[in-house]
């Protein structure tokens, strides 16, 4: 999730990426294409990951960091979705973000992530 957030932070409102070092070394056109490709791959990876695997457990500090990432995901939502995404992937992404937000909010008083308590799919 952190890598996807990083790429979203590089995006402007018009969908282009601003990374002066990458563009300077590889050229603007190649840089835009490479960053867009990596962004789409990370986005697809997030959509393929089961919700419990997206929740960080362990120490309270690592869980708080994860909650910060979820909050940032909500803030950058429009920049997280790649420009060429279809409506179905955007709907899927919105449901993943909603689930993560609910898990983050539901578990604020505990260091144990609520996702670990979810039953396996199909049960």
N, C-alpha and C. Protein backbone atom coordinates (compact mmCIF):
# COMPACT_ATOMS: atom_id res chain seq x y z
N UNK A 1 0.83 -1.19 0.00
CA UNK A 1 0.00 0.00 0.00
C UNK A 1 0.88 1.26 0.00
N UNK A 2 2.01 1.21 0.67
CA UNK A 2 2.88 2.38 0.75
C UNK A 2 3.41 2.78 -0.63
N UNK A 3 3.76 1.80 -1.45
CA UNK A 3 4.26 2.10 -2.80
C UNK A 3 3.17 2.73 -3.65
N UNK A 4 1.96 2.22 -3.54
CA UNK A 4 0.83 2.77 -4.29
C UNK A 4 0.55 4.20 -3.85
N UNK A 5 0.61 4.44 -2.56
CA UNK A 5 0.41 5.80 -2.05
C UNK A 5 1.49 6.74 -2.56
N UNK A 6 2.72 6.25 -2.61
CA UNK A 6 3.82 7.09 -3.11
C UNK A 6 3.55 7.52 -4.55
N UNK A 7 3.15 6.58 -5.39
CA UNK A 7 2.87 6.93 -6.79
C UNK A 7 1.68 7.88 -6.89
N UNK A 8 0.67 7.70 -6.06
CA UNK A 8 -0.48 8.61 -6.06
C UNK A 8 -0.03 10.02 -5.68
N UNK A 9 0.91 10.12 -4.76
CA UNK A 9 1.41 11.43 -4.36
C UNK A 9 2.22 12.11 -5.46
N UNK A 10 2.74 11.33 -6.40
CA UNK A 10 3.48 11.90 -7.53
C UNK A 10 2.56 12.44 -8.62
N UNK A 11 1.28 12.08 -8.56
CA UNK A 11 0.34 12.47 -9.62
C UNK A 11 -0.20 13.86 -9.44
N UNK A 12 -0.32 14.55 -10.57
CA UNK A 12 -1.02 15.84 -10.60
C UNK A 12 -2.49 15.59 -10.88
N UNK A 13 -3.29 16.64 -10.80
CA UNK A 13 -4.72 16.50 -11.06
C UNK A 13 -5.02 16.06 -12.49
N UNK A 14 -4.11 16.35 -13.42
CA UNK A 14 -4.33 15.96 -14.82
C UNK A 14 -3.89 14.52 -15.10
N UNK A 15 -3.40 13.81 -14.07
CA UNK A 15 -3.00 12.41 -14.24
C UNK A 15 -1.54 12.20 -14.55
N UNK A 16 -0.80 13.26 -14.78
CA UNK A 16 0.63 13.11 -15.07
C UNK A 16 1.41 12.97 -13.75
N UNK A 17 2.59 12.41 -13.86
CA UNK A 17 3.44 12.17 -12.69
C UNK A 17 4.56 13.20 -12.67
N UNK A 18 4.90 13.66 -11.48
CA UNK A 18 5.97 14.64 -11.31
C UNK A 18 7.08 14.05 -10.45
N UNK A 19 8.12 13.57 -11.10
CA UNK A 19 9.30 13.06 -10.40
C UNK A 19 10.51 13.57 -11.18
N UNK A 20 11.04 14.68 -10.73
CA UNK A 20 12.07 15.37 -11.51
C UNK A 20 13.27 14.49 -11.81
N UNK A 21 13.70 13.66 -10.87
CA UNK A 21 14.88 12.83 -11.08
C UNK A 21 14.63 11.75 -12.12
N UNK A 22 13.49 11.11 -12.06
CA UNK A 22 13.17 10.05 -13.01
C UNK A 22 13.04 10.62 -14.42
N UNK A 23 12.34 11.72 -14.54
CA UNK A 23 12.16 12.35 -15.85
C UNK A 23 13.49 12.87 -16.38
N UNK A 24 14.32 13.36 -15.51
CA UNK A 24 15.61 13.90 -15.93
C UNK A 24 16.53 12.81 -16.47
N UNK A 25 16.51 11.65 -15.85
CA UNK A 25 17.37 10.54 -16.27
C UNK A 25 16.81 9.82 -17.49
N UNK A 26 15.51 9.56 -17.52
CA UNK A 26 14.91 8.71 -18.55
C UNK A 26 14.15 9.47 -19.63
N UNK A 27 13.96 10.75 -19.45
CA UNK A 27 13.15 11.52 -20.40
C UNK A 27 11.71 11.56 -19.94
N UNK A 28 11.03 12.64 -20.27
CA UNK A 28 9.67 12.85 -19.79
C UNK A 28 8.70 11.77 -20.29
N UNK A 29 8.74 11.46 -21.56
CA UNK A 29 7.80 10.48 -22.13
C UNK A 29 8.01 9.10 -21.54
N UNK A 30 9.25 8.63 -21.49
CA UNK A 30 9.54 7.31 -20.93
C UNK A 30 9.22 7.27 -19.45
N UNK A 31 9.47 8.35 -18.75
CA UNK A 31 9.19 8.42 -17.32
C UNK A 31 7.68 8.32 -17.07
N UNK A 32 6.88 9.08 -17.82
CA UNK A 32 5.43 9.03 -17.66
C UNK A 32 4.89 7.63 -17.91
N UNK A 33 5.38 6.98 -18.97
CA UNK A 33 4.91 5.64 -19.32
C UNK A 33 5.30 4.63 -18.24
N UNK A 34 6.53 4.70 -17.74
CA UNK A 34 7.00 3.75 -16.73
C UNK A 34 6.24 3.93 -15.41
N UNK A 35 6.07 5.17 -14.98
CA UNK A 35 5.36 5.41 -13.73
C UNK A 35 3.89 5.00 -13.84
N UNK A 36 3.26 5.24 -14.99
CA UNK A 36 1.87 4.82 -15.19
C UNK A 36 1.76 3.30 -15.16
N UNK A 37 2.73 2.60 -15.77
CA UNK A 37 2.70 1.13 -15.79
C UNK A 37 2.85 0.57 -14.38
N UNK A 38 3.81 1.09 -13.62
CA UNK A 38 4.03 0.61 -12.26
C UNK A 38 2.81 0.93 -11.39
N UNK A 39 2.24 2.12 -11.58
CA UNK A 39 1.05 2.50 -10.83
C UNK A 39 -0.09 1.51 -11.09
N UNK A 40 -0.32 1.18 -12.35
CA UNK A 40 -1.39 0.23 -12.70
C UNK A 40 -1.12 -1.15 -12.11
N UNK A 41 0.13 -1.58 -12.11
CA UNK A 41 0.49 -2.89 -11.54
C UNK A 41 0.26 -2.93 -10.03
N UNK A 42 0.66 -1.88 -9.33
CA UNK A 42 0.46 -1.83 -7.88
C UNK A 42 -1.03 -1.74 -7.52
N UNK A 43 -1.77 -1.01 -8.31
CA UNK A 43 -3.22 -0.89 -8.12
C UNK A 43 -3.88 -2.26 -8.28
N UNK A 44 -3.52 -2.98 -9.35
CA UNK A 44 -4.08 -4.32 -9.58
C UNK A 44 -3.68 -5.27 -8.46
N UNK A 45 -2.46 -5.15 -7.99
CA UNK A 45 -1.99 -6.00 -6.89
C UNK A 45 -2.83 -5.74 -5.63
N UNK A 46 -3.13 -4.49 -5.34
CA UNK A 46 -3.96 -4.16 -4.18
C UNK A 46 -5.34 -4.80 -4.33
N UNK A 47 -5.92 -4.73 -5.53
CA UNK A 47 -7.25 -5.28 -5.75
C UNK A 47 -7.27 -6.80 -5.65
N UNK A 48 -6.15 -7.45 -5.94
CA UNK A 48 -6.08 -8.92 -5.87
C UNK A 48 -5.78 -9.44 -4.46
N UNK A 49 -5.34 -8.57 -3.57
CA UNK A 49 -4.93 -8.99 -2.23
C UNK A 49 -6.14 -9.15 -1.32
N UNK A 50 -6.26 -10.30 -0.64
CA UNK A 50 -7.37 -10.47 0.31
C UNK A 50 -7.30 -9.40 1.42
N UNK A 51 -8.46 -8.94 1.85
CA UNK A 51 -8.53 -7.88 2.87
C UNK A 51 -7.69 -8.21 4.11
N UNK A 52 -7.77 -9.43 4.68
CA UNK A 52 -6.97 -9.71 5.87
C UNK A 52 -5.46 -9.53 5.64
N UNK A 53 -5.02 -9.76 4.40
CA UNK A 53 -3.59 -9.59 4.10
C UNK A 53 -3.20 -8.12 3.99
N UNK A 54 -4.16 -7.24 3.83
CA UNK A 54 -3.88 -5.81 3.75
C UNK A 54 -3.80 -5.14 5.12
N UNK A 55 -4.25 -5.85 6.15
CA UNK A 55 -4.26 -5.30 7.51
C UNK A 55 -2.95 -5.65 8.20
N UNK A 56 -2.33 -4.64 8.75
CA UNK A 56 -1.05 -4.84 9.44
C UNK A 56 -1.32 -5.14 10.91
N UNK A 57 -0.75 -6.23 11.39
CA UNK A 57 -0.87 -6.58 12.80
C UNK A 57 0.43 -6.29 13.51
N UNK A 58 0.62 -6.93 14.61
CA UNK A 58 1.87 -6.77 15.36
C UNK A 58 1.75 -5.69 16.41
N UNK A 59 2.76 -4.86 16.47
CA UNK A 59 2.81 -3.84 17.52
C UNK A 59 1.77 -2.75 17.28
N UNK A 60 1.47 -2.05 18.34
CA UNK A 60 0.53 -0.93 18.24
C UNK A 60 1.08 0.14 17.31
N UNK A 61 2.40 0.33 17.34
CA UNK A 61 3.03 1.33 16.48
C UNK A 61 2.85 1.00 15.01
N UNK A 62 3.06 -0.26 14.64
CA UNK A 62 2.90 -0.63 13.23
C UNK A 62 1.43 -0.55 12.82
N UNK A 63 0.53 -0.88 13.73
CA UNK A 63 -0.90 -0.78 13.42
C UNK A 63 -1.30 0.68 13.24
N UNK A 64 -0.77 1.57 14.06
CA UNK A 64 -1.07 3.00 13.93
C UNK A 64 -0.54 3.53 12.59
N UNK A 65 0.63 3.06 12.19
CA UNK A 65 1.17 3.44 10.88
C UNK A 65 0.26 2.98 9.75
N UNK A 66 -0.27 1.76 9.89
CA UNK A 66 -1.21 1.24 8.90
C UNK A 66 -2.47 2.09 8.86
N UNK A 67 -2.97 2.48 10.03
CA UNK A 67 -4.16 3.33 10.07
C UNK A 67 -3.89 4.66 9.35
N UNK A 68 -2.68 5.18 9.50
CA UNK A 68 -2.31 6.40 8.79
C UNK A 68 -2.32 6.20 7.28
N UNK A 69 -1.86 5.02 6.84
CA UNK A 69 -1.89 4.72 5.41
C UNK A 69 -3.32 4.63 4.90
N UNK A 70 -4.20 4.04 5.67
CA UNK A 70 -5.61 3.94 5.28
C UNK A 70 -6.20 5.34 5.16
N UNK A 71 -5.91 6.20 6.13
CA UNK A 71 -6.40 7.58 6.09
C UNK A 71 -5.88 8.30 4.85
N UNK A 72 -4.61 8.08 4.54
CA UNK A 72 -4.00 8.72 3.35
C UNK A 72 -4.63 8.17 2.07
N UNK A 73 -4.95 6.88 2.06
CA UNK A 73 -5.61 6.26 0.92
C UNK A 73 -6.96 6.94 0.66
N UNK A 74 -7.67 7.25 1.72
CA UNK A 74 -8.95 7.95 1.59
C UNK A 74 -8.75 9.37 1.05
N UNK A 75 -7.71 10.05 1.51
CA UNK A 75 -7.44 11.42 1.06
C UNK A 75 -7.07 11.47 -0.42
N UNK A 76 -6.28 10.49 -0.86
CA UNK A 76 -5.74 10.49 -2.23
C UNK A 76 -6.54 9.61 -3.19
N UNK A 77 -7.73 9.19 -2.77
CA UNK A 77 -8.49 8.20 -3.52
C UNK A 77 -8.53 8.46 -5.02
N UNK A 78 -8.80 9.67 -5.44
CA UNK A 78 -8.91 9.97 -6.87
C UNK A 78 -7.57 9.84 -7.58
N UNK A 79 -6.48 10.03 -6.87
CA UNK A 79 -5.15 9.89 -7.49
C UNK A 79 -4.61 8.47 -7.41
N UNK A 80 -5.19 7.66 -6.55
CA UNK A 80 -4.76 6.27 -6.42
C UNK A 80 -5.26 5.44 -7.60
N UNK A 81 -6.46 5.75 -8.07
CA UNK A 81 -7.04 5.02 -9.20
C UNK A 81 -6.34 5.47 -10.48
N UNK A 82 -5.71 4.53 -11.21
CA UNK A 82 -5.02 4.91 -12.45
C UNK A 82 -5.99 5.52 -13.48
N UNK A 83 -5.47 6.34 -14.35
CA UNK A 83 -6.27 7.07 -15.33
C UNK A 83 -7.09 6.13 -16.21
N UNK A 84 -6.52 5.01 -16.62
CA UNK A 84 -7.19 4.12 -17.57
C UNK A 84 -8.01 3.01 -16.89
N UNK A 85 -8.34 3.16 -15.64
CA UNK A 85 -9.11 2.14 -14.92
C UNK A 85 -10.56 2.12 -15.40
N UNK A 86 -11.13 0.91 -15.41
CA UNK A 86 -12.53 0.82 -15.79
C UNK A 86 -13.42 0.99 -14.55
N UNK A 87 -14.71 1.11 -14.79
CA UNK A 87 -15.65 1.36 -13.69
C UNK A 87 -15.67 0.22 -12.68
N UNK A 88 -15.52 -1.03 -13.16
CA UNK A 88 -15.57 -2.18 -12.25
C UNK A 88 -14.39 -2.18 -11.29
N UNK A 89 -13.19 -1.87 -11.79
CA UNK A 89 -12.04 -1.85 -10.88
C UNK A 89 -12.16 -0.70 -9.89
N UNK A 90 -12.73 0.41 -10.32
CA UNK A 90 -12.93 1.54 -9.41
C UNK A 90 -13.94 1.18 -8.33
N UNK A 91 -15.01 0.49 -8.70
CA UNK A 91 -15.98 0.04 -7.69
C UNK A 91 -15.34 -0.94 -6.71
N UNK A 92 -14.53 -1.85 -7.23
CA UNK A 92 -13.82 -2.81 -6.38
C UNK A 92 -12.89 -2.06 -5.43
N UNK A 93 -12.15 -1.11 -5.96
CA UNK A 93 -11.24 -0.31 -5.14
C UNK A 93 -12.01 0.41 -4.03
N UNK A 94 -13.14 1.01 -4.38
CA UNK A 94 -13.93 1.72 -3.37
C UNK A 94 -14.39 0.78 -2.26
N UNK A 95 -14.74 -0.46 -2.62
CA UNK A 95 -15.17 -1.41 -1.58
C UNK A 95 -13.99 -1.84 -0.71
N UNK A 96 -12.82 -1.98 -1.29
CA UNK A 96 -11.62 -2.32 -0.51
C UNK A 96 -11.30 -1.18 0.46
N UNK A 97 -11.34 0.04 -0.02
CA UNK A 97 -11.06 1.21 0.83
C UNK A 97 -12.09 1.31 1.95
N UNK A 98 -13.36 1.06 1.65
CA UNK A 98 -14.40 1.09 2.67
C UNK A 98 -14.14 0.03 3.74
N UNK A 99 -13.80 -1.18 3.31
CA UNK A 99 -13.52 -2.26 4.27
C UNK A 99 -12.32 -1.90 5.15
N UNK A 100 -11.26 -1.37 4.55
CA UNK A 100 -10.07 -0.99 5.32
C UNK A 100 -10.39 0.13 6.30
N UNK A 101 -11.19 1.09 5.84
CA UNK A 101 -11.58 2.20 6.73
C UNK A 101 -12.38 1.69 7.91
N UNK A 102 -13.31 0.79 7.65
CA UNK A 102 -14.13 0.25 8.73
C UNK A 102 -13.29 -0.57 9.71
N UNK A 103 -12.36 -1.36 9.20
CA UNK A 103 -11.48 -2.14 10.08
C UNK A 103 -10.57 -1.22 10.89
N UNK A 104 -10.11 -0.18 10.27
CA UNK A 104 -9.24 0.78 10.95
C UNK A 104 -10.00 1.48 12.08
N UNK A 105 -11.21 1.90 11.80
CA UNK A 105 -12.01 2.61 12.80
C UNK A 105 -12.51 1.68 13.89
N UNK A 106 -12.85 0.45 13.53
CA UNK A 106 -13.40 -0.50 14.50
C UNK A 106 -12.36 -0.98 15.49
N UNK A 107 -11.10 -0.88 15.14
CA UNK A 107 -10.07 -1.46 15.99
C UNK A 107 -9.18 -0.41 16.64
N UNK A 108 -9.68 0.81 16.82
CA UNK A 108 -8.85 1.87 17.39
C UNK A 108 -8.48 1.62 18.84
N UNK A 109 -9.25 0.83 19.56
CA UNK A 109 -8.95 0.59 20.97
C UNK A 109 -8.12 -0.65 21.21
N UNK A 110 -7.72 -1.34 20.18
CA UNK A 110 -7.02 -2.60 20.32
C UNK A 110 -5.78 -2.63 19.45
N UNK A 111 -4.80 -3.39 19.84
CA UNK A 111 -3.61 -3.56 19.00
C UNK A 111 -3.75 -4.77 18.09
N UNK A 112 -4.83 -5.53 18.24
CA UNK A 112 -5.06 -6.70 17.39
C UNK A 112 -6.01 -6.31 16.25
N UNK A 113 -5.56 -6.40 15.00
CA UNK A 113 -6.41 -6.00 13.88
C UNK A 113 -7.68 -6.85 13.79
N UNK A 114 -8.78 -6.19 13.50
CA UNK A 114 -10.06 -6.87 13.39
C UNK A 114 -10.09 -7.85 12.22
N UNK A 115 -9.30 -7.62 11.17
CA UNK A 115 -9.31 -8.49 10.00
C UNK A 115 -8.86 -9.90 10.34
N UNK A 116 -8.06 -10.06 11.38
CA UNK A 116 -7.61 -11.39 11.75
C UNK A 116 -8.76 -12.21 12.31
N UNK A 117 -9.85 -11.54 12.65
CA UNK A 117 -11.01 -12.22 13.21
C UNK A 117 -12.04 -12.57 12.14
N UNK A 118 -11.79 -12.18 10.88
CA UNK A 118 -12.73 -12.46 9.81
C UNK A 118 -12.72 -13.95 9.47
N UNK A 119 -13.90 -14.53 9.22
CA UNK A 119 -13.92 -15.94 8.80
C UNK A 119 -13.39 -16.05 7.37
N UNK A 120 -12.87 -17.20 6.99
CA UNK A 120 -12.44 -17.39 5.59
C UNK A 120 -13.62 -17.21 4.66
N UNK A 121 -13.35 -16.81 3.40
CA UNK A 121 -14.40 -16.64 2.43
C UNK A 121 -15.15 -17.94 2.22
N UNK A 122 -16.44 -17.85 2.00
CA UNK A 122 -17.25 -19.03 1.75
C UNK A 122 -17.85 -19.63 3.00
N UNK A 123 -17.60 -19.05 4.14
CA UNK A 123 -18.17 -19.59 5.38
C UNK A 123 -19.19 -18.64 5.95
